[in-house]
Amino acid sequence: MVSLWWEVAGEGSAPPLVLIHGSMDRAAGLLRLSRRLDSDRPVVRYDRRGYGRSRSVGPPWTVAANIDDLEALLDERSRDPAVLFGHSFGGNVALGLADRRPDLVDAVIVYETPLSWIEWWPGDSAGGAAVANRDPGDGAEAFMRRLVGDAAWERLPQSKRQARRSEGAALVGELADLRREAPWRAERVRVPVLALYGETGRPHHRAAMDSLAKSLPDGRVQMVPDAGHAGPHTHADAVAAAVAGFITGRRSAPTPGD
């Protein structure tokens, strides 16, 4: 197993909940959400390869390599199938593992996961702006400027801007790979899946979550009020409530024959 940075909060007896961050993010970005989740279960956060405290983990920067990392983490750390939460790109990692190793996955929650390989996915997204750059550092900067705005980017200390630019190779590599083909097959993702989107997010993200939920054997979709693409960061209470409601609803649902 590659040496990724990871952290566990909580010591409950329920199966773990694993948080998987998106592109140009890190585990720290999901800390607020982690603190609002079910205290009855361990909550695992980790920095994906090429980011944050796992920045030294090199290529391949592909969806498959990220799925490999999550598979190894669960094989080593968890005795029970885990609930997976994936924000943006992280949702494809979660769905990919549910396809590959359903024995490791109890359920999946995704938030505005990009379906970049489909025909109607817009080419002018933040990811498209990143992949269009020949220099990975410029790609990372273009991506961040699209996400946070030019003014917010310029306010960042030079050290932070340089750190983000240094993650450009991972960003461009994984987003380019995501545009080539679907990293999971809908008919093979047989665990329950909740697809979340933000009320104020871009229309293609809502369309993607609607499409995703309809394509899966056990999928459902839910809006997070007032939130945008950064909902797990900015609206952690509402996202945590959606996660808790999904998990509790599954626990209380009648089993066949009841």
Protein backbone atom coordinates (compact mmCIF):
# COMPACT_ATOMS: atom_id res chain seq x y z
CA MET A 1 0.00 0.00 0.00
CA VAL A 2 1.26 3.48 -0.82
CA SER A 3 1.89 5.76 2.15
CA LEU A 4 -1.14 8.07 2.21
CA TRP A 5 -1.88 10.39 5.10
CA TRP A 6 -5.07 9.42 6.90
CA GLU A 7 -6.84 10.06 10.19
CA VAL A 8 -9.70 8.44 12.11
CA ALA A 9 -12.08 10.31 14.42
CA GLY A 10 -14.45 8.47 16.75
CA GLU A 11 -14.42 4.95 18.10
CA GLY A 12 -18.02 3.82 17.62
CA SER A 13 -18.95 0.24 16.87
CA ALA A 14 -20.82 0.97 13.63
CA PRO A 15 -19.04 0.41 10.29
CA PRO A 16 -16.71 3.26 9.30
CA LEU A 17 -17.63 6.26 7.19
CA VAL A 18 -14.85 7.24 4.79
CA LEU A 19 -14.67 10.78 3.37
CA ILE A 20 -13.02 11.16 -0.05
CA HIS A 21 -12.13 14.69 -1.13
CA GLY A 22 -12.32 16.18 -4.60
CA SER A 23 -9.70 17.59 -6.95
CA MET A 24 -7.42 20.31 -5.54
CA ASP A 25 -8.82 19.65 -2.07
CA ARG A 26 -7.53 17.60 0.84
CA ALA A 27 -8.81 15.82 3.96
CA ALA A 28 -8.70 19.10 5.89
CA GLY A 29 -11.40 20.46 3.61
CA LEU A 30 -13.81 17.83 4.95
CA LEU A 31 -12.98 18.39 8.63
CA ARG A 32 -16.10 20.48 9.32
CA LEU A 33 -18.27 17.76 7.81
CA SER A 34 -16.43 15.07 9.75
CA ARG A 35 -17.16 16.82 13.06
CA ARG A 36 -20.89 16.84 12.32
CA LEU A 37 -21.26 13.19 11.41
CA ASP A 38 -22.45 10.17 13.37
CA SER A 39 -20.41 9.76 16.56
CA ASP A 40 -21.43 6.08 16.69
CA ARG A 41 -19.03 5.21 13.88
CA PRO A 42 -15.37 5.95 13.05
CA VAL A 43 -14.99 8.68 10.43
CA VAL A 44 -11.93 8.33 8.21
CA ARG A 45 -10.40 11.20 6.25
CA TYR A 46 -7.35 10.86 4.03
CA ASP A 47 -5.36 12.92 1.54
CA ARG A 48 -5.54 11.37 -1.91
CA ARG A 49 -2.34 10.76 -3.86
CA GLY A 50 -0.74 13.95 -5.08
CA TYR A 51 -2.54 16.23 -2.59
CA GLY A 52 -1.88 17.72 0.85
CA ARG A 53 0.12 15.44 3.09
CA SER A 54 0.08 12.74 0.40
CA ARG A 55 1.61 15.14 -2.16
CA SER A 56 4.76 13.04 -2.34
CA VAL A 57 2.84 10.01 -3.63
CA GLY A 58 3.50 10.06 -7.34
CA PRO A 59 1.83 8.80 -10.49
CA PRO A 60 -0.17 7.23 -11.92
CA TRP A 61 -2.68 9.98 -11.24
CA THR A 62 -5.69 8.09 -12.53
CA VAL A 63 -9.10 7.13 -11.23
CA ALA A 64 -8.02 3.48 -11.08
CA ALA A 65 -4.97 4.32 -8.95
CA ASN A 66 -7.20 6.24 -6.53
CA ILE A 67 -9.54 3.27 -6.34
CA ASP A 68 -6.52 1.05 -5.65
CA ASP A 69 -5.54 3.33 -2.75
CA LEU A 70 -9.02 3.28 -1.20
CA GLU A 71 -9.26 -0.49 -1.63
CA ALA A 72 -5.93 -0.98 0.15
CA LEU A 73 -6.92 1.42 2.94
CA LEU A 74 -10.16 -0.48 3.64
CA ASP A 75 -8.56 -3.91 3.28
CA GLU A 76 -5.99 -2.92 5.90
CA ARG A 77 -8.06 -0.80 8.30
CA SER A 78 -11.68 -1.98 8.22
CA ARG A 79 -13.28 -5.27 9.24
CA ASP A 80 -16.75 -4.23 8.06
CA PRO A 81 -18.05 -2.80 4.78
CA ALA A 82 -17.76 0.98 4.93
CA VAL A 83 -20.08 3.82 4.02
CA LEU A 84 -18.29 6.01 1.48
CA PHE A 85 -18.81 9.75 1.00
CA GLY A 86 -17.22 11.27 -2.09
CA HIS A 87 -17.16 14.97 -2.90
CA SER A 88 -16.84 15.86 -6.59
CA PHE A 89 -14.03 13.69 -8.10
CA GLY A 90 -14.02 11.67 -4.88
CA GLY A 91 -17.47 10.35 -5.74
CA ASN A 92 -16.08 8.54 -8.75
CA VAL A 93 -13.50 6.88 -6.51
CA ALA A 94 -16.29 5.69 -4.20
CA LEU A 95 -18.47 4.42 -7.05
CA GLY A 96 -15.47 2.76 -8.66
CA LEU A 97 -14.75 0.79 -5.50
CA ALA A 98 -18.42 -0.16 -5.15
CA ASP A 99 -18.19 -1.61 -8.67
CA ARG A 100 -14.88 -3.40 -8.09
CA ARG A 101 -15.22 -4.56 -4.47
CA PRO A 102 -18.85 -4.56 -3.27
CA ASP A 103 -17.75 -6.61 -0.28
CA LEU A 104 -15.92 -3.53 1.06
CA VAL A 105 -18.80 -1.08 0.56
CA ASP A 106 -22.06 -0.82 2.51
CA ALA A 107 -23.42 2.34 0.84
CA VAL A 108 -22.24 5.38 -1.11
CA ILE A 109 -23.09 9.09 -0.85
CA VAL A 110 -21.75 11.40 -3.56
CA TYR A 111 -21.93 15.18 -3.84
CA GLU A 112 -21.90 16.72 -7.33
CA THR A 113 -19.70 14.03 -8.83
CA PRO A 114 -18.56 14.93 -12.36
CA LEU A 115 -19.57 12.61 -15.19
CA SER A 116 -16.93 14.11 -17.47
CA TRP A 117 -16.95 11.31 -20.05
CA ILE A 118 -20.57 11.79 -21.15
CA GLU A 119 -21.34 13.63 -24.39
CA TRP A 120 -23.18 16.58 -22.89
CA TRP A 121 -20.67 17.40 -20.14
CA PRO A 122 -19.66 21.05 -20.68
CA GLY A 123 -16.18 21.73 -21.98
CA ASP A 124 -15.98 25.08 -20.20
CA SER A 125 -16.05 23.65 -16.66
CA ALA A 126 -13.25 24.27 -14.15
CA GLY A 127 -11.88 20.84 -14.99
CA GLY A 128 -11.91 21.65 -18.68
CA ALA A 129 -9.96 24.84 -18.00
CA ALA A 130 -7.35 22.85 -16.07
CA VAL A 131 -6.87 20.12 -18.67
CA ALA A 132 -6.56 22.68 -21.47
CA ASN A 133 -3.28 24.02 -20.03
CA ARG A 134 -0.01 22.49 -21.15
CA ASP A 135 1.70 23.40 -17.88
CA PRO A 136 0.21 21.48 -14.90
CA GLY A 137 0.91 24.36 -12.52
CA ASP A 138 -1.00 26.73 -14.79
CA GLY A 139 -3.78 24.14 -14.95
CA ALA A 140 -4.01 24.05 -11.17
CA GLU A 141 -4.11 27.84 -10.99
CA ALA A 142 -6.79 28.06 -13.67
CA PHE A 143 -8.86 25.47 -11.78
CA MET A 144 -8.55 27.32 -8.48
CA ARG A 145 -9.35 30.68 -10.04
CA ARG A 146 -12.53 29.21 -11.49
CA LEU A 147 -13.52 27.72 -8.13
CA VAL A 148 -12.70 30.54 -5.72
CA GLY A 149 -12.41 33.59 -7.98
CA ASP A 150 -9.44 35.70 -8.97
CA ALA A 151 -9.59 37.93 -5.90
CA ALA A 152 -9.58 35.03 -3.44
CA TRP A 153 -6.71 33.38 -5.29
CA GLU A 154 -4.65 36.57 -5.21
CA ARG A 155 -5.22 36.91 -1.46
CA LEU A 156 -3.65 33.51 -0.76
CA PRO A 157 -0.09 33.63 0.59
CA GLN A 158 2.53 32.89 -2.03
CA SER A 159 3.44 29.65 -0.25
CA LYS A 160 -0.14 28.36 -0.52
CA ARG A 161 -0.43 29.35 -4.16
CA GLN A 162 2.82 27.53 -4.89
CA ALA A 163 1.64 24.45 -2.99
CA ARG A 164 -1.56 24.36 -5.03
CA ARG A 165 0.36 24.79 -8.27
CA SER A 166 2.61 21.89 -7.27
CA GLU A 167 -0.51 19.66 -7.18
CA GLY A 168 -1.24 20.43 -10.82
CA ALA A 169 0.19 17.19 -12.19
CA ALA A 170 -2.19 15.14 -10.03
CA LEU A 171 -5.11 17.40 -10.94
CA VAL A 172 -4.55 17.39 -14.69
CA GLY A 173 -3.73 13.68 -14.72
CA GLU A 174 -6.85 12.52 -12.89
CA LEU A 175 -9.22 14.90 -14.69
CA ALA A 176 -7.86 13.96 -18.12
CA ASP A 177 -8.26 10.29 -17.21
CA LEU A 178 -11.85 10.89 -16.09
CA ARG A 179 -12.67 12.28 -19.54
CA ARG A 180 -11.57 9.11 -21.34
CA GLU A 181 -14.14 6.61 -20.05
CA ALA A 182 -16.47 5.84 -17.18
CA PRO A 183 -14.51 4.46 -14.19
CA TRP A 184 -17.48 2.36 -13.03
CA ARG A 185 -20.47 0.55 -14.56
CA ALA A 186 -23.84 1.60 -13.22
CA GLU A 187 -25.35 -1.88 -13.34
CA ARG A 188 -22.53 -3.20 -11.14
CA VAL A 189 -22.96 -0.58 -8.40
CA ARG A 190 -25.59 -2.48 -6.47
CA VAL A 191 -25.20 -0.86 -3.05
CA PRO A 192 -27.57 1.99 -2.09
CA VAL A 193 -26.37 5.35 -3.45
CA LEU A 194 -27.48 8.85 -2.50
CA ALA A 195 -26.61 11.56 -5.05
CA LEU A 196 -26.53 15.07 -3.55
CA TYR A 197 -26.42 18.38 -5.37
CA GLY A 198 -26.49 22.00 -4.25
CA GLU A 199 -29.49 24.23 -4.90
CA THR A 200 -27.30 27.07 -6.20
CA GLY A 201 -24.86 24.86 -8.09
CA ARG A 202 -24.40 24.75 -11.85
CA PRO A 203 -27.19 23.07 -13.85
CA HIS A 204 -24.95 20.34 -15.25
CA HIS A 205 -24.18 19.10 -11.74
CA ARG A 206 -27.86 18.76 -10.93
CA ALA A 207 -28.47 17.02 -14.25
CA ALA A 208 -25.58 14.67 -13.55
CA MET A 209 -26.92 13.69 -10.13
CA ASP A 210 -30.42 13.12 -11.54
CA SER A 211 -28.95 10.98 -14.31
CA LEU A 212 -26.73 9.07 -11.91
CA ALA A 213 -29.57 8.21 -9.51
CA LYS A 214 -31.76 6.97 -12.38
CA SER A 215 -29.00 4.81 -13.85
CA LEU A 216 -28.22 2.86 -10.66
CA PRO A 217 -30.06 -0.22 -9.36
CA ASP A 218 -30.60 1.51 -5.98
CA GLY A 219 -30.06 5.23 -6.47
CA ARG A 220 -31.81 8.30 -5.14
CA VAL A 221 -31.19 12.03 -5.43
CA GLN A 222 -31.52 14.91 -2.95
CA MET A 223 -30.95 18.67 -3.05
CA VAL A 224 -28.99 20.54 -0.38
CA PRO A 225 -30.70 23.94 0.10
CA ASP A 226 -28.69 27.12 -0.58
CA ALA A 227 -25.49 25.16 -1.27
CA GLY A 228 -23.20 25.25 -4.29
CA HIS A 229 -20.46 22.89 -5.42
CA ALA A 230 -18.55 23.46 -2.17
CA GLY A 231 -21.54 22.37 -0.09
CA PRO A 232 -19.62 19.86 2.08
CA HIS A 233 -17.40 22.78 3.14
CA THR A 234 -19.86 25.66 3.34
CA HIS A 235 -23.03 23.80 4.36
CA ALA A 236 -21.57 20.99 6.44
CA ASP A 237 -24.60 20.83 8.78
CA ALA A 238 -27.05 20.31 5.92
CA VAL A 239 -24.82 17.77 4.17
CA ALA A 240 -24.27 15.86 7.42
CA ALA A 241 -28.04 15.82 8.00
CA ALA A 242 -28.58 14.36 4.52
CA VAL A 243 -25.95 11.70 5.18
CA ALA A 244 -27.46 10.83 8.56
CA GLY A 245 -30.96 10.69 7.13
CA PHE A 246 -29.84 8.36 4.38
CA ILE A 247 -28.06 6.01 6.77
CA THR A 248 -30.91 6.05 9.32
CA GLY A 249 -33.50 5.51 6.60
CA ARG A 250 -31.63 2.46 5.37
CA ARG A 251 -31.44 1.06 8.91
CA SER A 252 -35.17 1.48 9.47
CA ALA A 253 -36.34 0.31 6.03
CA PRO A 254 -38.20 -3.01 6.11
CA THR A 255 -36.34 -5.99 4.74
CA PRO A 256 -37.96 -8.16 2.05
CA GLY A 257 -40.57 -10.41 3.59
CA ASP A 258 -41.28 -8.13 6.59
